Amino acid sequence: MNRLTRGCFGSAFEQEKVSGFEFLSCGQMRVKEHFGHNAGWYNKSGEKIGWGDLNVEDVKKLMRNLQPGELFITVSEHDSFWKFVTSFGPIGSMCSTDPQEQEPGIDYLAEKSRYIIAPRELFCNGDEFWMKPGEKKEMDGITFTALSIDEIKELMKNL
């Protein structure tokens, strides 16, 4: 059973808790958010499941708690929200967005993804980090492997 479904974490004002992911809250803020500030969170089907800051402890817990077949994909704040704004308000929650913001699809996510978190593994979009596919880096005690856009699509479709 996939626990990461469209909108499963709710919103910043109406948060939902997801079994196994109680440490995450939509709109959460972290002091050291090395893995994304206001990042959009997506599942492998290309559906938005929430958004917020992620720090190293969040990523480690995600890697431990994700089950086979689940992916947690992050996209920058700009590419997951601001790019879809159709009319601006004084704050982000008062903006209107194109419906595609909630489900931009696999091709868009593969191209714009930053981190792809899988059970016990962490990947990144090599294009976003100027890394070659297969290249490994370490950040804050976590090793991640760069994937090409085609490899990210393949992982999303066939995991």
N, C-alpha and C. Protein backbone atom coordinates (compact mmCIF):
# COMPACT_ATOMS: atom_id res chain seq x y z
N MET A 1 0.84 -1.19 0.00
CA MET A 1 0.00 0.00 0.00
C MET A 1 0.88 1.25 0.00
N ASN A 2 0.62 2.14 -0.93
CA ASN A 2 1.40 3.38 -1.02
C ASN A 2 0.81 4.42 -0.06
N ARG A 3 1.61 4.87 0.87
CA ARG A 3 1.15 5.85 1.85
C ARG A 3 1.28 7.28 1.34
N LEU A 4 2.08 7.47 0.31
CA LEU A 4 2.35 8.80 -0.21
C LEU A 4 1.41 9.09 -1.38
N THR A 5 0.27 9.65 -1.06
CA THR A 5 -0.74 9.95 -2.07
C THR A 5 -0.92 11.46 -2.18
N ARG A 6 -1.49 11.89 -3.28
CA ARG A 6 -1.67 13.32 -3.54
C ARG A 6 -2.27 14.03 -2.33
N GLY A 7 -1.55 15.07 -1.86
CA GLY A 7 -2.02 15.90 -0.75
C GLY A 7 -2.03 15.22 0.61
N CYS A 8 -1.36 14.09 0.75
CA CYS A 8 -1.45 13.32 2.00
C CYS A 8 -0.98 14.07 3.24
N PHE A 9 -0.08 15.06 3.10
CA PHE A 9 0.39 15.83 4.25
C PHE A 9 -0.48 17.06 4.52
N GLY A 10 -1.53 17.24 3.74
CA GLY A 10 -2.43 18.37 3.95
C GLY A 10 -1.83 19.66 3.43
N SER A 11 -2.04 20.72 4.19
CA SER A 11 -1.51 22.04 3.83
C SER A 11 -0.86 22.65 5.06
N ALA A 12 -0.27 23.80 4.89
CA ALA A 12 0.39 24.47 6.02
C ALA A 12 -0.61 24.82 7.11
N PHE A 13 -1.88 25.00 6.74
CA PHE A 13 -2.90 25.40 7.71
C PHE A 13 -3.79 24.25 8.15
N GLU A 14 -3.77 23.16 7.44
CA GLU A 14 -4.54 21.96 7.79
C GLU A 14 -3.65 20.74 7.58
N GLN A 15 -2.73 20.55 8.50
CA GLN A 15 -1.74 19.49 8.37
C GLN A 15 -2.36 18.12 8.67
N GLU A 16 -1.86 17.13 7.95
CA GLU A 16 -2.26 15.74 8.14
C GLU A 16 -1.01 14.96 8.50
N LYS A 17 -1.16 13.96 9.36
CA LYS A 17 -0.05 13.08 9.69
C LYS A 17 -0.21 11.80 8.89
N VAL A 18 0.91 11.31 8.37
CA VAL A 18 0.93 10.09 7.57
C VAL A 18 1.67 9.03 8.37
N SER A 19 1.07 7.86 8.50
CA SER A 19 1.66 6.76 9.25
C SER A 19 3.07 6.47 8.76
N GLY A 20 4.01 6.45 9.70
CA GLY A 20 5.41 6.22 9.38
C GLY A 20 6.18 7.48 9.08
N PHE A 21 5.46 8.58 8.89
CA PHE A 21 6.10 9.86 8.55
C PHE A 21 5.63 10.97 9.51
N GLU A 22 5.37 10.61 10.74
CA GLU A 22 4.86 11.58 11.72
C GLU A 22 5.85 12.71 11.99
N PHE A 23 7.10 12.54 11.64
CA PHE A 23 8.13 13.55 11.85
C PHE A 23 8.05 14.68 10.81
N LEU A 24 7.19 14.54 9.79
CA LEU A 24 7.04 15.56 8.76
C LEU A 24 5.72 16.30 8.91
N SER A 25 5.73 17.60 8.66
CA SER A 25 4.52 18.42 8.64
C SER A 25 4.57 19.33 7.43
N CYS A 26 3.48 19.43 6.72
CA CYS A 26 3.42 20.31 5.56
C CYS A 26 3.72 21.75 6.02
N GLY A 27 4.61 22.42 5.30
CA GLY A 27 4.99 23.79 5.65
C GLY A 27 6.04 23.89 6.73
N GLN A 28 6.63 22.75 7.14
CA GLN A 28 7.59 22.79 8.24
C GLN A 28 8.81 23.64 7.91
N MET A 29 9.37 24.23 8.98
CA MET A 29 10.58 25.04 8.85
C MET A 29 11.69 24.38 9.67
N ARG A 30 12.88 24.38 9.12
CA ARG A 30 14.04 23.82 9.79
C ARG A 30 15.14 24.87 9.81
N VAL A 31 15.94 24.87 10.89
CA VAL A 31 17.03 25.83 11.02
C VAL A 31 18.11 25.54 9.98
N LYS A 32 18.48 24.29 9.85
CA LYS A 32 19.49 23.89 8.85
C LYS A 32 18.78 23.00 7.83
N GLU A 33 18.31 23.63 6.76
CA GLU A 33 17.52 22.91 5.77
C GLU A 33 18.35 22.53 4.55
N HIS A 34 19.44 21.86 4.73
CA HIS A 34 20.37 21.55 3.65
C HIS A 34 19.74 20.78 2.49
N PHE A 35 18.59 20.19 2.71
CA PHE A 35 17.96 19.38 1.66
C PHE A 35 16.71 20.03 1.11
N GLY A 36 16.62 21.34 1.21
CA GLY A 36 15.54 22.06 0.56
C GLY A 36 14.79 23.00 1.47
N HIS A 37 14.71 24.26 1.07
CA HIS A 37 13.92 25.26 1.78
C HIS A 37 12.61 25.44 1.01
N ASN A 38 11.49 25.20 1.69
CA ASN A 38 10.16 25.28 1.07
C ASN A 38 10.06 24.40 -0.18
N ALA A 39 10.76 23.30 -0.16
CA ALA A 39 10.76 22.39 -1.31
C ALA A 39 9.39 21.75 -1.48
N GLY A 40 9.02 21.49 -2.72
CA GLY A 40 7.82 20.72 -3.00
C GLY A 40 8.14 19.25 -2.84
N TRP A 41 7.21 18.49 -2.24
CA TRP A 41 7.39 17.06 -2.03
C TRP A 41 6.44 16.32 -2.96
N TYR A 42 6.94 15.30 -3.65
CA TYR A 42 6.16 14.56 -4.64
C TYR A 42 6.35 13.06 -4.48
N ASN A 43 5.37 12.31 -4.98
CA ASN A 43 5.49 10.86 -5.02
C ASN A 43 5.97 10.43 -6.41
N LYS A 44 6.15 9.14 -6.59
CA LYS A 44 6.69 8.64 -7.86
C LYS A 44 5.71 8.77 -9.03
N SER A 45 4.45 9.06 -8.75
CA SER A 45 3.45 9.25 -9.80
C SER A 45 3.40 10.69 -10.30
N GLY A 46 4.20 11.56 -9.69
CA GLY A 46 4.22 12.96 -10.11
C GLY A 46 3.18 13.81 -9.43
N GLU A 47 2.68 13.37 -8.28
CA GLU A 47 1.66 14.10 -7.52
C GLU A 47 2.29 14.80 -6.32
N LYS A 48 1.87 16.03 -6.05
CA LYS A 48 2.38 16.77 -4.91
C LYS A 48 1.77 16.21 -3.64
N ILE A 49 2.63 15.88 -2.67
CA ILE A 49 2.15 15.31 -1.41
C ILE A 49 2.30 16.29 -0.26
N GLY A 50 3.07 17.37 -0.45
CA GLY A 50 3.27 18.37 0.59
C GLY A 50 4.43 19.28 0.21
N TRP A 51 4.88 20.06 1.18
CA TRP A 51 6.02 20.95 0.97
C TRP A 51 6.59 21.38 2.31
N GLY A 52 7.85 21.82 2.28
CA GLY A 52 8.49 22.34 3.49
C GLY A 52 9.99 22.13 3.44
N ASP A 53 10.64 22.57 4.51
CA ASP A 53 12.09 22.40 4.64
C ASP A 53 12.40 20.95 5.00
N LEU A 54 13.55 20.49 4.56
CA LEU A 54 14.05 19.17 4.96
C LEU A 54 15.49 19.32 5.42
N ASN A 55 15.80 18.71 6.55
CA ASN A 55 17.18 18.71 7.03
C ASN A 55 17.73 17.29 6.97
N VAL A 56 18.96 17.14 7.40
CA VAL A 56 19.62 15.84 7.30
C VAL A 56 18.88 14.76 8.10
N GLU A 57 18.36 15.10 9.26
CA GLU A 57 17.63 14.11 10.06
C GLU A 57 16.35 13.67 9.37
N ASP A 58 15.65 14.61 8.73
CA ASP A 58 14.45 14.25 7.97
C ASP A 58 14.79 13.25 6.87
N VAL A 59 15.86 13.52 6.15
CA VAL A 59 16.25 12.64 5.03
C VAL A 59 16.64 11.26 5.54
N LYS A 60 17.39 11.20 6.63
CA LYS A 60 17.76 9.90 7.20
C LYS A 60 16.52 9.12 7.62
N LYS A 61 15.57 9.79 8.26
CA LYS A 61 14.33 9.11 8.66
C LYS A 61 13.52 8.66 7.46
N LEU A 62 13.47 9.49 6.42
CA LEU A 62 12.76 9.08 5.20
C LEU A 62 13.40 7.83 4.61
N MET A 63 14.72 7.81 4.52
CA MET A 63 15.41 6.65 3.96
C MET A 63 15.11 5.38 4.77
N ARG A 64 14.97 5.52 6.08
CA ARG A 64 14.65 4.37 6.94
C ARG A 64 13.19 3.95 6.85
N ASN A 65 12.29 4.92 6.68
CA ASN A 65 10.85 4.64 6.78
C ASN A 65 10.14 4.38 5.46
N LEU A 66 10.75 4.74 4.34
CA LEU A 66 10.12 4.45 3.06
C LEU A 66 10.09 2.95 2.84
N GLN A 67 9.00 2.47 2.26
CA GLN A 67 8.83 1.06 1.98
C GLN A 67 9.13 0.79 0.51
N PRO A 68 9.43 -0.46 0.16
CA PRO A 68 9.68 -0.78 -1.25
C PRO A 68 8.54 -0.25 -2.13
N GLY A 69 8.93 0.39 -3.22
CA GLY A 69 7.95 0.95 -4.14
C GLY A 69 7.62 2.40 -3.88
N GLU A 70 8.07 2.98 -2.76
CA GLU A 70 7.80 4.38 -2.45
C GLU A 70 9.02 5.25 -2.77
N LEU A 71 8.76 6.42 -3.31
CA LEU A 71 9.79 7.44 -3.53
C LEU A 71 9.28 8.75 -2.95
N PHE A 72 10.18 9.55 -2.42
CA PHE A 72 9.90 10.89 -1.91
C PHE A 72 10.81 11.81 -2.70
N ILE A 73 10.23 12.63 -3.56
CA ILE A 73 10.99 13.45 -4.51
C ILE A 73 10.84 14.92 -4.13
N THR A 74 11.96 15.64 -4.11
CA THR A 74 11.90 17.07 -3.78
C THR A 74 12.21 17.90 -5.02
N VAL A 75 11.54 19.05 -5.08
CA VAL A 75 11.69 20.02 -6.16
C VAL A 75 11.82 21.39 -5.50
N SER A 76 12.63 22.26 -6.06
CA SER A 76 12.84 23.59 -5.47
C SER A 76 11.51 24.34 -5.32
N GLU A 77 11.49 25.30 -4.42
CA GLU A 77 10.30 26.13 -4.20
C GLU A 77 9.86 26.80 -5.50
N HIS A 78 10.81 27.32 -6.26
CA HIS A 78 10.47 28.01 -7.52
C HIS A 78 9.78 27.05 -8.49
N ASP A 79 10.37 25.88 -8.71
CA ASP A 79 9.84 24.95 -9.70
C ASP A 79 8.61 24.17 -9.22
N SER A 80 8.38 24.15 -7.92
CA SER A 80 7.21 23.42 -7.41
C SER A 80 6.04 24.33 -7.07
N PHE A 81 6.27 25.64 -6.99
CA PHE A 81 5.18 26.55 -6.64
C PHE A 81 5.15 27.80 -7.52
N TRP A 82 6.19 28.64 -7.39
CA TRP A 82 6.14 29.96 -8.03
C TRP A 82 5.99 29.88 -9.54
N LYS A 83 6.52 28.86 -10.15
CA LYS A 83 6.39 28.72 -11.61
C LYS A 83 4.94 28.50 -12.03
N PHE A 84 4.08 28.05 -11.11
CA PHE A 84 2.68 27.75 -11.41
C PHE A 84 1.70 28.84 -10.95
N VAL A 85 2.22 29.91 -10.35
CA VAL A 85 1.35 30.97 -9.84
C VAL A 85 0.71 31.72 -11.02
N THR A 86 -0.63 31.87 -10.93
CA THR A 86 -1.38 32.58 -11.99
C THR A 86 -1.81 33.96 -11.54
N SER A 87 -1.96 34.16 -10.23
CA SER A 87 -2.21 35.51 -9.70
C SER A 87 -1.60 35.59 -8.31
N PHE A 88 -0.93 36.71 -8.06
CA PHE A 88 -0.18 36.88 -6.83
C PHE A 88 -1.02 37.47 -5.72
N GLY A 89 -0.72 37.04 -4.50
CA GLY A 89 -1.30 37.62 -3.30
C GLY A 89 -0.17 38.16 -2.44
N PRO A 90 -0.49 38.76 -1.29
CA PRO A 90 0.55 39.33 -0.44
C PRO A 90 1.50 38.27 0.13
N ILE A 91 1.02 37.02 0.27
CA ILE A 91 1.86 35.91 0.71
C ILE A 91 1.53 34.70 -0.18
N GLY A 92 2.41 33.72 -0.17
CA GLY A 92 2.24 32.56 -1.03
C GLY A 92 0.91 31.86 -0.89
N SER A 93 0.41 31.73 0.34
CA SER A 93 -0.85 31.01 0.55
C SER A 93 -2.05 31.75 -0.03
N MET A 94 -1.86 33.00 -0.41
CA MET A 94 -2.95 33.78 -0.99
C MET A 94 -2.81 33.93 -2.51
N CYS A 95 -1.88 33.19 -3.10
CA CYS A 95 -1.72 33.17 -4.55
C CYS A 95 -2.64 32.11 -5.15
N SER A 96 -2.98 32.30 -6.40
CA SER A 96 -3.70 31.27 -7.16
C SER A 96 -2.69 30.57 -8.05
N THR A 97 -2.87 29.26 -8.20
CA THR A 97 -1.94 28.49 -9.02
C THR A 97 -2.68 27.69 -10.08
N ASP A 98 -1.97 27.37 -11.13
CA ASP A 98 -2.46 26.48 -12.17
C ASP A 98 -2.65 25.10 -11.53
N PRO A 99 -3.71 24.37 -11.87
CA PRO A 99 -3.92 23.03 -11.30
C PRO A 99 -2.75 22.08 -11.52
N GLN A 100 -1.95 22.32 -12.55
CA GLN A 100 -0.80 21.46 -12.82
C GLN A 100 0.21 21.48 -11.67
N GLU A 101 0.15 22.50 -10.82
CA GLU A 101 1.05 22.58 -9.66
C GLU A 101 0.90 21.34 -8.79
N GLN A 102 -0.28 20.78 -8.68
CA GLN A 102 -0.53 19.62 -7.83
C GLN A 102 -0.14 18.30 -8.49
N GLU A 103 -0.01 18.30 -9.81
CA GLU A 103 0.32 17.06 -10.51
C GLU A 103 1.06 17.38 -11.82
N PRO A 104 2.33 17.83 -11.70
CA PRO A 104 3.06 18.22 -12.90
C PRO A 104 3.52 17.05 -13.77
N GLY A 105 3.49 15.85 -13.24
CA GLY A 105 3.82 14.67 -14.03
C GLY A 105 5.27 14.22 -13.91
N ILE A 106 5.49 13.02 -14.39
CA ILE A 106 6.79 12.36 -14.28
C ILE A 106 7.88 13.09 -15.06
N ASP A 107 7.59 13.50 -16.29
CA ASP A 107 8.62 14.16 -17.11
C ASP A 107 9.10 15.46 -16.45
N TYR A 108 8.15 16.27 -15.98
CA TYR A 108 8.49 17.53 -15.33
C TYR A 108 9.32 17.27 -14.07
N LEU A 109 8.87 16.33 -13.25
CA LEU A 109 9.59 16.04 -12.00
C LEU A 109 10.98 15.50 -12.25
N ALA A 110 11.12 14.64 -13.22
CA ALA A 110 12.45 14.09 -13.52
C ALA A 110 13.40 15.22 -13.90
N GLU A 111 12.91 16.18 -14.65
CA GLU A 111 13.75 17.29 -15.09
C GLU A 111 14.05 18.27 -13.95
N LYS A 112 13.07 18.55 -13.10
CA LYS A 112 13.21 19.58 -12.07
C LYS A 112 13.56 19.05 -10.68
N SER A 113 13.59 17.73 -10.50
CA SER A 113 13.86 17.16 -9.18
C SER A 113 15.23 17.57 -8.67
N ARG A 114 15.33 17.62 -7.36
CA ARG A 114 16.63 17.86 -6.72
C ARG A 114 17.09 16.56 -6.07
N TYR A 115 16.28 16.05 -5.13
CA TYR A 115 16.61 14.80 -4.45
C TYR A 115 15.50 13.78 -4.68
N ILE A 116 15.92 12.53 -4.83
CA ILE A 116 15.00 11.41 -4.95
C ILE A 116 15.37 10.47 -3.81
N ILE A 117 14.47 10.37 -2.84
CA ILE A 117 14.74 9.57 -1.65
C ILE A 117 13.98 8.26 -1.81
N ALA A 118 14.73 7.16 -1.66
CA ALA A 118 14.19 5.81 -1.79
C ALA A 118 14.49 5.05 -0.50
N PRO A 119 13.91 3.88 -0.33
CA PRO A 119 14.26 3.11 0.87
C PRO A 119 15.77 2.86 0.92
N ARG A 120 16.40 3.37 1.96
CA ARG A 120 17.82 3.19 2.24
C ARG A 120 18.78 3.79 1.20
N GLU A 121 18.26 4.63 0.30
CA GLU A 121 19.11 5.24 -0.73
C GLU A 121 18.71 6.69 -0.95
N LEU A 122 19.70 7.47 -1.37
CA LEU A 122 19.46 8.87 -1.72
C LEU A 122 20.11 9.14 -3.06
N PHE A 123 19.32 9.71 -3.97
CA PHE A 123 19.79 10.08 -5.30
C PHE A 123 19.60 11.58 -5.48
N CYS A 124 20.28 12.12 -6.47
CA CYS A 124 20.05 13.51 -6.84
C CYS A 124 19.97 13.60 -8.35
N ASN A 125 19.40 14.69 -8.82
CA ASN A 125 19.37 14.97 -10.24
C ASN A 125 20.75 15.51 -10.61
N GLY A 126 21.51 14.74 -11.35
CA GLY A 126 22.87 15.13 -11.70
C GLY A 126 22.93 16.48 -12.37
N ASP A 127 21.94 16.80 -13.20
CA ASP A 127 21.93 18.10 -13.88
C ASP A 127 21.82 19.25 -12.90
N GLU A 128 21.10 19.06 -11.81
CA GLU A 128 20.92 20.12 -10.81
C GLU A 128 22.20 20.36 -9.99
N PHE A 129 23.07 19.35 -9.92
CA PHE A 129 24.27 19.44 -9.08
C PHE A 129 25.57 19.39 -9.89
N TRP A 130 25.47 19.50 -11.21
CA TRP A 130 26.63 19.45 -12.09
C TRP A 130 27.45 18.19 -11.83
N MET A 131 26.74 17.08 -11.72
CA MET A 131 27.39 15.78 -11.49
C MET A 131 27.07 14.84 -12.66
N LYS A 132 27.97 13.92 -12.91
CA LYS A 132 27.76 12.91 -13.95
C LYS A 132 26.96 11.75 -13.35
N PRO A 133 26.10 11.11 -14.15
CA PRO A 133 25.36 9.95 -13.65
C PRO A 133 26.31 8.91 -13.05
N GLY A 134 25.96 8.41 -11.88
CA GLY A 134 26.78 7.44 -11.17
C GLY A 134 27.76 8.06 -10.20
N GLU A 135 28.04 9.35 -10.35
CA GLU A 135 28.97 10.04 -9.45
C GLU A 135 28.34 10.12 -8.05
N LYS A 136 29.16 9.95 -7.04
CA LYS A 136 28.69 9.98 -5.65
C LYS A 136 29.29 11.17 -4.92
N LYS A 137 28.49 11.73 -4.01
CA LYS A 137 28.97 12.79 -3.13
C LYS A 137 28.42 12.54 -1.74
N GLU A 138 29.07 13.16 -0.77
CA GLU A 138 28.63 13.04 0.62
C GLU A 138 28.30 14.43 1.14
N MET A 139 27.18 14.54 1.84
CA MET A 139 26.79 15.80 2.46
C MET A 139 26.16 15.49 3.80
N ASP A 140 26.67 16.10 4.83
CA ASP A 140 26.13 15.92 6.18
C ASP A 140 26.02 14.46 6.59
N GLY A 141 27.00 13.65 6.17
CA GLY A 141 27.02 12.25 6.57
C GLY A 141 26.15 11.32 5.74
N ILE A 142 25.57 11.83 4.67
CA ILE A 142 24.74 10.99 3.79
C ILE A 142 25.37 10.99 2.41
N THR A 143 25.55 9.80 1.85
CA THR A 143 26.07 9.69 0.50
C THR A 143 24.91 9.62 -0.48
N PHE A 144 25.02 10.38 -1.56
CA PHE A 144 23.99 10.32 -2.59
C PHE A 144 24.64 10.11 -3.95
N THR A 145 23.86 9.52 -4.85
CA THR A 145 24.32 9.17 -6.18
C THR A 145 23.56 9.98 -7.22
N ALA A 146 24.28 10.52 -8.18
CA ALA A 146 23.66 11.31 -9.26
C ALA A 146 23.02 10.39 -10.28
N LEU A 147 21.85 10.79 -10.74
CA LEU A 147 21.14 10.10 -11.80
C LEU A 147 20.90 11.07 -12.96
N SER A 148 20.81 10.53 -14.17
CA SER A 148 20.42 11.33 -15.31
C SER A 148 18.90 11.50 -15.29
N ILE A 149 18.38 12.42 -16.07
CA ILE A 149 16.93 12.62 -16.14
C ILE A 149 16.25 11.34 -16.61
N ASP A 150 16.83 10.66 -17.59
CA ASP A 150 16.24 9.40 -18.06
C ASP A 150 16.25 8.33 -16.97
N GLU A 151 17.30 8.28 -16.17
CA GLU A 151 17.36 7.31 -15.07
C GLU A 151 16.31 7.63 -14.00
N ILE A 152 16.08 8.92 -13.75
CA ILE A 152 15.05 9.32 -12.78
C ILE A 152 13.68 8.89 -13.29
N LYS A 153 13.38 9.14 -14.56
CA LYS A 153 12.11 8.70 -15.14
C LYS A 153 11.93 7.20 -15.00
N GLU A 154 12.97 6.46 -15.30
CA GLU A 154 12.93 5.00 -15.23
C GLU A 154 12.65 4.54 -13.79
N LEU A 155 13.31 5.17 -12.84
CA LEU A 155 13.11 4.83 -11.43
C LEU A 155 11.66 5.11 -11.02
N MET A 156 11.13 6.26 -11.43
CA MET A 156 9.75 6.63 -11.08
C MET A 156 8.75 5.67 -11.71
N LYS A 157 8.99 5.25 -12.91
CA LYS A 157 8.03 4.39 -13.61
C LYS A 157 8.10 2.93 -13.20
N ASN A 158 9.29 2.46 -12.83
CA ASN A 158 9.47 1.02 -12.65
C ASN A 158 9.79 0.58 -11.23
N LEU A 159 9.78 1.48 -10.28
CA LEU A 159 10.06 1.07 -8.90
C LEU A 159 8.87 0.36 -8.32
